[in-house]
Structures are given as structure tokens and as C-alpha cells.
N, C-alpha and C. Protein backbone atom coordinates (compact mmCIF):
# COMPACT_ATOMS: atom_id res chain seq x y z
N MET A 1 97.32 109.42 101.10
CA MET A 1 98.09 109.82 102.25
C MET A 1 98.43 108.55 103.05
N LEU A 2 99.68 108.43 103.44
CA LEU A 2 100.13 107.30 104.23
C LEU A 2 99.98 107.63 105.72
N MET A 3 99.35 106.73 106.45
CA MET A 3 99.10 106.93 107.88
C MET A 3 99.79 105.84 108.68
N LEU A 4 100.38 106.20 109.81
CA LEU A 4 100.96 105.24 110.74
C LEU A 4 99.90 104.92 111.78
N LEU A 5 99.63 103.63 111.98
CA LEU A 5 98.62 103.19 112.94
C LEU A 5 99.26 102.79 114.25
N PHE A 6 98.55 103.03 115.35
CA PHE A 6 98.97 102.58 116.67
C PHE A 6 97.72 102.40 117.52
N HIS A 7 97.91 101.84 118.70
CA HIS A 7 96.78 101.56 119.58
C HIS A 7 96.94 102.27 120.92
N ILE A 8 95.82 102.67 121.48
CA ILE A 8 95.73 103.10 122.87
C ILE A 8 94.60 102.27 123.43
N ASN A 9 94.94 101.43 124.40
CA ASN A 9 94.03 100.38 124.85
C ASN A 9 93.67 99.55 123.62
N ASN A 10 92.40 99.37 123.33
CA ASN A 10 92.02 98.59 122.16
C ASN A 10 91.54 99.45 121.00
N GLU A 11 91.74 100.74 121.11
CA GLU A 11 91.31 101.67 120.06
C GLU A 11 92.46 101.96 119.11
N ARG A 12 92.15 102.10 117.83
CA ARG A 12 93.17 102.41 116.83
C ARG A 12 93.20 103.91 116.54
N TYR A 13 94.43 104.39 116.35
CA TYR A 13 94.67 105.80 116.05
C TYR A 13 95.65 105.88 114.88
N ALA A 14 95.69 107.03 114.23
CA ALA A 14 96.58 107.21 113.08
C ALA A 14 97.18 108.61 113.11
N ILE A 15 98.42 108.68 112.62
CA ILE A 15 99.11 109.95 112.43
C ILE A 15 99.58 109.98 110.98
N ALA A 16 99.39 111.11 110.32
CA ALA A 16 99.85 111.26 108.93
C ALA A 16 101.37 111.14 108.88
N SER A 17 101.87 110.40 107.90
CA SER A 17 103.30 110.14 107.81
C SER A 17 104.13 111.40 107.57
N GLN A 18 103.52 112.45 107.00
CA GLN A 18 104.26 113.69 106.76
C GLN A 18 104.76 114.32 108.06
N GLN A 19 104.08 114.03 109.17
CA GLN A 19 104.46 114.62 110.45
C GLN A 19 105.54 113.80 111.16
N ILE A 20 105.83 112.61 110.66
CA ILE A 20 106.73 111.68 111.35
C ILE A 20 108.16 111.83 110.85
N VAL A 21 109.08 111.93 111.80
CA VAL A 21 110.50 111.99 111.50
C VAL A 21 111.08 110.58 111.43
N GLU A 22 110.73 109.77 112.44
CA GLU A 22 111.26 108.42 112.54
C GLU A 22 110.47 107.67 113.60
N VAL A 23 110.43 106.35 113.50
CA VAL A 23 109.84 105.51 114.53
C VAL A 23 110.98 104.67 115.09
N ILE A 24 111.16 104.76 116.42
CA ILE A 24 112.27 104.05 117.06
C ILE A 24 111.75 103.13 118.16
N PRO A 25 112.54 102.11 118.51
CA PRO A 25 112.13 101.26 119.64
C PRO A 25 112.18 102.06 120.94
N LEU A 26 111.60 101.50 121.97
CA LEU A 26 111.68 102.15 123.29
C LEU A 26 113.14 102.28 123.69
N VAL A 27 113.47 103.40 124.27
CA VAL A 27 114.82 103.64 124.79
C VAL A 27 114.67 104.01 126.26
N ASN A 28 115.79 103.99 126.98
CA ASN A 28 115.75 104.43 128.38
C ASN A 28 115.51 105.93 128.41
N LEU A 29 114.50 106.32 129.16
CA LEU A 29 114.14 107.72 129.28
C LEU A 29 114.56 108.24 130.64
N THR A 30 115.01 109.46 130.67
CA THR A 30 115.32 110.13 131.92
C THR A 30 114.09 110.91 132.35
N ARG A 31 113.55 110.54 133.48
CA ARG A 31 112.35 111.20 134.01
C ARG A 31 112.77 112.51 134.67
N LEU A 32 112.08 113.57 134.39
CA LEU A 32 112.38 114.87 135.00
C LEU A 32 111.43 115.11 136.16
N PRO A 33 111.93 115.67 137.25
CA PRO A 33 111.05 115.94 138.40
C PRO A 33 110.03 117.03 138.08
N HIS A 34 108.91 116.96 138.77
CA HIS A 34 107.87 117.99 138.69
C HIS A 34 107.26 118.11 137.30
N THR A 35 107.19 117.01 136.58
CA THR A 35 106.55 117.03 135.27
C THR A 35 105.23 116.26 135.35
N PRO A 36 104.31 116.55 134.46
CA PRO A 36 103.02 115.84 134.48
C PRO A 36 103.20 114.34 134.25
N GLU A 37 102.24 113.55 134.67
CA GLU A 37 102.31 112.10 134.53
C GLU A 37 102.47 111.65 133.08
N TYR A 38 101.85 112.36 132.15
CA TYR A 38 101.93 111.96 130.75
C TYR A 38 103.30 112.23 130.13
N PHE A 39 104.15 112.97 130.82
CA PHE A 39 105.50 113.25 130.33
C PHE A 39 106.40 112.09 130.73
N ALA A 40 106.71 111.21 129.76
CA ALA A 40 107.45 109.98 130.05
C ALA A 40 108.92 110.24 130.35
N GLY A 41 109.48 111.31 129.82
CA GLY A 41 110.89 111.63 130.07
C GLY A 41 111.55 112.20 128.83
N VAL A 42 112.87 112.21 128.86
CA VAL A 42 113.66 112.73 127.74
C VAL A 42 114.74 111.72 127.38
N PHE A 43 115.26 111.85 126.16
CA PHE A 43 116.40 111.04 125.76
C PHE A 43 117.22 111.80 124.73
N ASN A 44 118.43 111.32 124.51
CA ASN A 44 119.35 111.94 123.58
C ASN A 44 119.12 111.34 122.19
N TYR A 45 118.73 112.17 121.26
CA TYR A 45 118.52 111.74 119.88
C TYR A 45 119.45 112.56 119.00
N ARG A 46 120.53 111.93 118.59
CA ARG A 46 121.50 112.57 117.70
C ARG A 46 121.97 113.92 118.23
N GLY A 47 122.24 113.96 119.53
CA GLY A 47 122.76 115.17 120.16
C GLY A 47 121.71 116.16 120.62
N ARG A 48 120.44 115.83 120.44
CA ARG A 48 119.35 116.71 120.88
C ARG A 48 118.59 116.02 122.00
N ILE A 49 118.15 116.79 122.98
CA ILE A 49 117.33 116.26 124.06
C ILE A 49 115.87 116.32 123.60
N ILE A 50 115.24 115.15 123.54
CA ILE A 50 113.89 115.05 123.00
C ILE A 50 112.91 114.67 124.11
N PRO A 51 111.85 115.46 124.30
CA PRO A 51 110.81 115.10 125.27
C PRO A 51 109.91 114.02 124.68
N VAL A 52 109.44 113.12 125.55
CA VAL A 52 108.56 112.03 125.10
C VAL A 52 107.27 112.07 125.91
N ILE A 53 106.16 112.05 125.19
CA ILE A 53 104.82 112.06 125.78
C ILE A 53 104.26 110.64 125.70
N ASP A 54 103.74 110.14 126.80
CA ASP A 54 103.06 108.85 126.82
C ASP A 54 101.62 109.10 126.38
N LEU A 55 101.29 108.74 125.14
CA LEU A 55 99.96 109.02 124.60
C LEU A 55 98.86 108.34 125.40
N SER A 56 99.11 107.13 125.85
CA SER A 56 98.11 106.41 126.64
C SER A 56 97.82 107.16 127.94
N GLN A 57 98.86 107.60 128.62
CA GLN A 57 98.71 108.34 129.88
C GLN A 57 97.99 109.67 129.63
N LEU A 58 98.34 110.34 128.55
CA LEU A 58 97.72 111.63 128.23
C LEU A 58 96.24 111.48 127.94
N MET A 59 95.87 110.43 127.20
CA MET A 59 94.50 110.31 126.72
C MET A 59 93.59 109.49 127.64
N THR A 60 94.16 108.53 128.39
CA THR A 60 93.31 107.66 129.20
C THR A 60 93.67 107.65 130.68
N GLY A 61 94.83 108.21 131.03
CA GLY A 61 95.27 108.19 132.42
C GLY A 61 95.97 106.89 132.81
N GLN A 62 96.20 105.99 131.84
CA GLN A 62 96.90 104.73 132.11
C GLN A 62 98.21 104.71 131.33
N ARG A 63 99.28 104.29 132.00
CA ARG A 63 100.59 104.26 131.35
C ARG A 63 100.60 103.30 130.17
N CYS A 64 101.42 103.60 129.20
CA CYS A 64 101.63 102.77 128.03
C CYS A 64 102.32 101.48 128.46
N SER A 65 101.82 100.34 128.02
CA SER A 65 102.45 99.06 128.32
C SER A 65 103.72 98.91 127.50
N GLU A 66 104.74 98.32 128.09
CA GLU A 66 106.00 98.14 127.38
C GLU A 66 106.05 96.75 126.75
N HIS A 67 105.79 96.71 125.44
CA HIS A 67 105.84 95.48 124.66
C HIS A 67 106.85 95.68 123.54
N LEU A 68 107.15 94.61 122.81
CA LEU A 68 108.06 94.73 121.67
C LEU A 68 107.52 95.70 120.62
N SER A 69 106.20 95.79 120.51
CA SER A 69 105.60 96.67 119.51
C SER A 69 105.36 98.09 120.03
N THR A 70 105.73 98.36 121.29
CA THR A 70 105.62 99.71 121.82
C THR A 70 106.80 100.52 121.27
N ARG A 71 106.51 101.65 120.70
CA ARG A 71 107.54 102.44 120.03
C ARG A 71 107.43 103.91 120.44
N ILE A 72 108.48 104.65 120.06
CA ILE A 72 108.46 106.10 120.18
C ILE A 72 108.39 106.65 118.77
N ILE A 73 107.33 107.39 118.51
CA ILE A 73 107.13 108.01 117.20
C ILE A 73 107.67 109.44 117.31
N LEU A 74 108.72 109.72 116.58
CA LEU A 74 109.29 111.07 116.59
C LEU A 74 108.56 111.90 115.56
N VAL A 75 107.98 113.01 116.01
CA VAL A 75 107.19 113.87 115.14
C VAL A 75 107.70 115.30 115.16
N ASN A 76 107.49 115.98 114.06
CA ASN A 76 107.78 117.41 113.99
C ASN A 76 106.61 118.17 114.61
N HIS A 77 106.93 119.20 115.34
CA HIS A 77 105.90 120.10 115.84
C HIS A 77 106.54 121.47 116.05
N TRP A 78 105.70 122.46 116.16
CA TRP A 78 106.20 123.82 116.39
C TRP A 78 106.05 124.13 117.86
N GLY A 79 107.12 124.60 118.46
CA GLY A 79 107.10 124.98 119.86
C GLY A 79 107.83 126.29 120.05
N ARG A 80 107.85 126.73 121.27
CA ARG A 80 108.56 127.98 121.59
C ARG A 80 109.85 127.65 122.30
N ASP A 81 110.91 128.37 121.94
CA ASP A 81 112.17 128.18 122.63
C ASP A 81 112.22 129.08 123.85
N ALA A 82 113.38 129.14 124.52
CA ALA A 82 113.51 129.92 125.75
C ALA A 82 113.26 131.41 125.54
N THR A 83 113.43 131.89 124.31
CA THR A 83 113.19 133.32 124.02
C THR A 83 111.77 133.56 123.50
N GLN A 84 110.92 132.52 123.56
CA GLN A 84 109.54 132.58 123.11
C GLN A 84 109.38 132.67 121.59
N GLU A 85 110.46 132.40 120.85
CA GLU A 85 110.37 132.32 119.39
C GLU A 85 109.74 130.98 119.03
N THR A 86 108.91 130.95 117.98
CA THR A 86 108.32 129.71 117.50
C THR A 86 109.34 129.04 116.59
N VAL A 87 109.71 127.81 116.95
CA VAL A 87 110.74 127.08 116.22
C VAL A 87 110.31 125.64 115.97
N PRO A 88 110.81 125.03 114.88
CA PRO A 88 110.49 123.61 114.65
C PRO A 88 111.22 122.75 115.68
N GLN A 89 110.52 121.77 116.20
CA GLN A 89 111.10 120.89 117.21
C GLN A 89 110.68 119.46 116.93
N ILE A 90 111.34 118.54 117.61
CA ILE A 90 110.96 117.14 117.52
C ILE A 90 110.46 116.71 118.89
N MET A 91 109.37 115.98 118.89
CA MET A 91 108.79 115.45 120.13
C MET A 91 108.55 113.96 119.92
N GLY A 92 108.75 113.18 120.98
CA GLY A 92 108.49 111.75 120.92
C GLY A 92 107.11 111.43 121.47
N LEU A 93 106.42 110.53 120.80
CA LEU A 93 105.11 110.06 121.25
C LEU A 93 105.21 108.56 121.48
N MET A 94 105.07 108.14 122.73
CA MET A 94 105.12 106.72 123.05
C MET A 94 103.74 106.12 122.83
N ALA A 95 103.70 105.02 122.06
CA ALA A 95 102.43 104.37 121.76
C ALA A 95 102.62 102.87 121.65
N GLN A 96 101.53 102.15 121.76
CA GLN A 96 101.54 100.70 121.71
C GLN A 96 101.15 100.20 120.32
N ARG A 97 101.61 99.01 120.00
CA ARG A 97 101.29 98.31 118.76
C ARG A 97 101.47 99.22 117.54
N VAL A 98 102.66 99.78 117.44
CA VAL A 98 103.02 100.62 116.30
C VAL A 98 103.65 99.68 115.26
N VAL A 99 102.79 99.03 114.47
CA VAL A 99 103.31 97.98 113.59
C VAL A 99 102.80 98.03 112.15
N GLU A 100 101.88 98.95 111.84
CA GLU A 100 101.36 98.94 110.47
C GLU A 100 101.05 100.35 109.98
N THR A 101 100.95 100.44 108.67
CA THR A 101 100.58 101.68 108.02
C THR A 101 99.32 101.44 107.20
N LEU A 102 98.73 102.53 106.77
CA LEU A 102 97.49 102.46 106.01
C LEU A 102 97.52 103.57 104.98
N GLN A 103 97.19 103.26 103.75
CA GLN A 103 97.13 104.26 102.69
C GLN A 103 95.67 104.68 102.51
N LYS A 104 95.38 105.96 102.72
CA LYS A 104 94.03 106.48 102.56
C LYS A 104 94.09 107.83 101.86
N SER A 105 93.03 108.15 101.13
CA SER A 105 92.95 109.47 100.51
C SER A 105 92.12 110.38 101.41
N ASP A 106 92.16 111.66 101.13
CA ASP A 106 91.40 112.62 101.93
C ASP A 106 89.91 112.34 101.92
N ILE A 107 89.40 111.77 100.83
CA ILE A 107 87.97 111.50 100.77
C ILE A 107 87.57 110.33 101.67
N ASP A 108 88.56 109.53 102.12
CA ASP A 108 88.28 108.43 103.04
C ASP A 108 88.14 108.91 104.49
N LEU A 109 88.55 110.15 104.75
CA LEU A 109 88.49 110.70 106.11
C LEU A 109 87.10 111.28 106.35
N ILE A 110 86.48 110.84 107.43
CA ILE A 110 85.10 111.24 107.75
C ILE A 110 85.13 112.23 108.91
N ASP A 111 84.47 113.36 108.70
CA ASP A 111 84.37 114.36 109.76
C ASP A 111 83.32 113.90 110.77
N VAL A 112 83.72 113.78 112.02
CA VAL A 112 82.78 113.39 113.07
C VAL A 112 82.07 114.64 113.52
N ASP A 113 80.79 114.71 113.23
CA ASP A 113 80.02 115.92 113.49
C ASP A 113 79.22 115.78 114.77
N ILE A 114 79.91 115.44 115.84
CA ILE A 114 79.25 115.29 117.14
C ILE A 114 79.62 116.50 117.99
N GLN A 115 78.64 117.15 118.53
CA GLN A 115 78.87 118.36 119.32
C GLN A 115 79.18 118.01 120.78
N ILE A 116 80.33 117.47 121.01
CA ILE A 116 80.79 117.18 122.37
C ILE A 116 82.08 117.93 122.61
N ASP A 117 82.48 117.98 123.84
CA ASP A 117 83.71 118.68 124.21
C ASP A 117 84.90 117.77 123.97
N LYS A 118 85.28 117.60 122.71
CA LYS A 118 86.39 116.70 122.41
C LYS A 118 87.69 117.49 122.35
N PRO A 119 88.80 116.83 122.70
CA PRO A 119 90.09 117.50 122.64
C PRO A 119 90.42 117.92 121.20
N PRO A 120 91.11 119.03 121.01
CA PRO A 120 91.39 119.53 119.66
C PRO A 120 92.31 118.61 118.84
N TYR A 121 93.04 117.72 119.51
CA TYR A 121 93.95 116.83 118.77
C TYR A 121 93.23 115.68 118.09
N LEU A 122 91.95 115.47 118.40
CA LEU A 122 91.20 114.41 117.74
C LEU A 122 90.65 114.93 116.42
N GLY A 123 91.04 114.28 115.33
CA GLY A 123 90.64 114.72 114.00
C GLY A 123 89.56 113.86 113.41
N LYS A 124 89.62 113.70 112.12
CA LYS A 124 88.63 112.93 111.39
C LYS A 124 88.79 111.44 111.67
N MET A 125 87.85 110.65 111.19
CA MET A 125 87.86 109.21 111.40
C MET A 125 88.03 108.49 110.06
N ILE A 126 88.57 107.29 110.17
CA ILE A 126 88.66 106.38 109.03
C ILE A 126 87.88 105.14 109.42
N VAL A 127 87.07 104.65 108.50
CA VAL A 127 86.34 103.42 108.75
C VAL A 127 86.87 102.38 107.78
N ASP A 128 87.26 101.22 108.31
CA ASP A 128 87.69 100.11 107.47
C ASP A 128 87.02 98.83 107.94
N GLU A 129 87.42 97.70 107.40
CA GLU A 129 86.77 96.43 107.72
C GLU A 129 86.95 96.02 109.18
N GLN A 130 87.92 96.59 109.89
CA GLN A 130 88.15 96.26 111.30
C GLN A 130 87.48 97.24 112.26
N GLY A 131 86.91 98.29 111.75
CA GLY A 131 86.26 99.26 112.62
C GLY A 131 86.67 100.68 112.31
N MET A 132 86.79 101.50 113.37
CA MET A 132 87.10 102.91 113.19
C MET A 132 88.52 103.22 113.66
N ILE A 133 89.11 104.23 113.03
CA ILE A 133 90.44 104.71 113.37
C ILE A 133 90.34 106.21 113.57
N GLN A 134 90.79 106.68 114.72
CA GLN A 134 90.76 108.12 115.03
C GLN A 134 92.08 108.75 114.57
N CYS A 135 92.01 109.79 113.77
CA CYS A 135 93.22 110.51 113.33
C CYS A 135 93.60 111.55 114.38
N LEU A 136 94.90 111.70 114.59
CA LEU A 136 95.39 112.68 115.56
C LEU A 136 96.06 113.84 114.84
N HIS A 137 95.84 115.03 115.36
CA HIS A 137 96.56 116.22 114.92
C HIS A 137 97.67 116.47 115.94
N VAL A 138 98.88 116.15 115.56
CA VAL A 138 100.03 116.28 116.46
C VAL A 138 100.17 117.71 116.97
N GLU A 139 99.91 118.67 116.10
CA GLU A 139 100.10 120.07 116.48
C GLU A 139 99.20 120.52 117.61
N TYR A 140 98.13 119.77 117.90
CA TYR A 140 97.21 120.15 118.97
C TYR A 140 97.33 119.25 120.21
N LEU A 141 98.30 118.35 120.21
CA LEU A 141 98.43 117.44 121.35
C LEU A 141 98.68 118.17 122.66
N LEU A 142 99.53 119.16 122.61
CA LEU A 142 99.84 119.92 123.82
C LEU A 142 99.50 121.39 123.59
N SER A 143 98.95 122.00 124.61
CA SER A 143 98.66 123.43 124.51
C SER A 143 99.97 124.21 124.47
N GLU A 144 99.91 125.47 124.09
CA GLU A 144 101.10 126.31 124.06
C GLU A 144 101.75 126.39 125.43
N VAL A 145 100.93 126.45 126.48
CA VAL A 145 101.46 126.53 127.84
C VAL A 145 102.23 125.26 128.18
N GLN A 146 101.66 124.10 127.84
CA GLN A 146 102.33 122.83 128.11
C GLN A 146 103.62 122.72 127.31
N GLN A 147 103.58 123.14 126.03
CA GLN A 147 104.78 123.08 125.21
C GLN A 147 105.88 123.96 125.78
N ALA A 148 105.53 125.17 126.18
CA ALA A 148 106.52 126.08 126.75
C ALA A 148 107.10 125.50 128.03
N TYR A 149 106.24 124.87 128.84
CA TYR A 149 106.68 124.26 130.09
C TYR A 149 107.66 123.13 129.82
N LEU A 150 107.34 122.25 128.87
CA LEU A 150 108.22 121.13 128.58
C LEU A 150 109.56 121.60 128.01
N VAL A 151 109.52 122.57 127.11
CA VAL A 151 110.77 123.10 126.55
C VAL A 151 111.62 123.70 127.66
N ALA A 152 111.00 124.48 128.55
CA ALA A 152 111.74 125.09 129.66
C ALA A 152 112.31 124.02 130.59
N GLU A 153 111.55 123.00 130.90
CA GLU A 153 112.02 121.91 131.77
C GLU A 153 113.19 121.16 131.15
N VAL A 154 113.08 120.84 129.87
CA VAL A 154 114.15 120.10 129.18
C VAL A 154 115.43 120.93 129.17
N HIS A 155 115.30 122.22 128.84
CA HIS A 155 116.49 123.08 128.77
C HIS A 155 117.08 123.34 130.14
N SER A 156 116.27 123.52 131.17
CA SER A 156 116.81 123.81 132.50
C SER A 156 117.46 122.59 133.13
N GLU A 157 116.95 121.39 132.85
CA GLU A 157 117.51 120.17 133.43
C GLU A 157 118.82 119.77 132.79
N HIS A 158 119.06 120.18 131.55
CA HIS A 158 120.23 119.69 130.82
C HIS A 158 121.19 120.79 130.42
N LYS A 159 121.37 121.76 131.30
CA LYS A 159 122.36 122.82 131.03
C LYS A 159 123.63 122.51 131.78
């Protein structure tokens, strides 16, 4: 399985490449009023309005630093539209140091069996010569309520 690596602070994270649509450089985002701090804004991607989540802000409370290696990872996820139907959507994830990939098999993924109150988007771990890499489950990054809120905000602001 091919994984895209990125950093939040000095910690490494990975997303499975099957979930990724495209990785793009930072673009100008339009900030929407009354949205959570982790909601970086929206932008036009091939005629579609795409919401962007600042992963650093979501996970640590600190905004993502804007460097040349800071990117927006466009991922597929399932969300609800205005009629509450579940539909495939694209969401942007802003992250730092998005510069490398890693090939790992399922047997390389280690289940962290610690009984703590961890967020559902944190998956298995990968251990390599540089340390540990936390895998993310994109589908669990935002709760259904948050997804519905963001979809409603994006659609109401751009009608």
C-alpha cells in the first residue's frame, strides 16, 4: 500500500494513497464567517467549491505553517448533501511537509492497543528507522454533524 507522508509539528502522519485525489500547492482560500478555527476556507477546484481543513489546527490547536512544502491534500470522503443524501465529496486537508511517500504492506501496520480516549481518525502505526508514523482514517476526521455543517456553509455562502 502506498502512503503519503506529512507532518504536524514534528510528528509524522500518513494517508493511504487510495483516498487521495490530488496533492496541490497552497492556494488562496476564502474564509467563511462563523466556521470553526480548523476550517481554513474554501476554494474553486475545477468548478467545485472545496472545503479545506487545517489538520494542524484540528489536531493541535495551532495553525499550519505556510512553507513551500505545505500542501492541500484533496481526499475523497462521504458526506451529506443539502437533502441529507450520502454522496461522494472531495475535501482538502492542509498539512505541512507533504514531500514523500512510503510503500508498506498491511502486515507493517501495528495496532496500537492503548486504552485511551483517542480520536477515531487515528489508525494503526508504522515503525521505521526514523521513528513512528500515525496513520489517519480520513473518513473519521469530521463527525457527521461537522460534515453536514461544512456542506451547508459552503452551499449557503456560494449560491
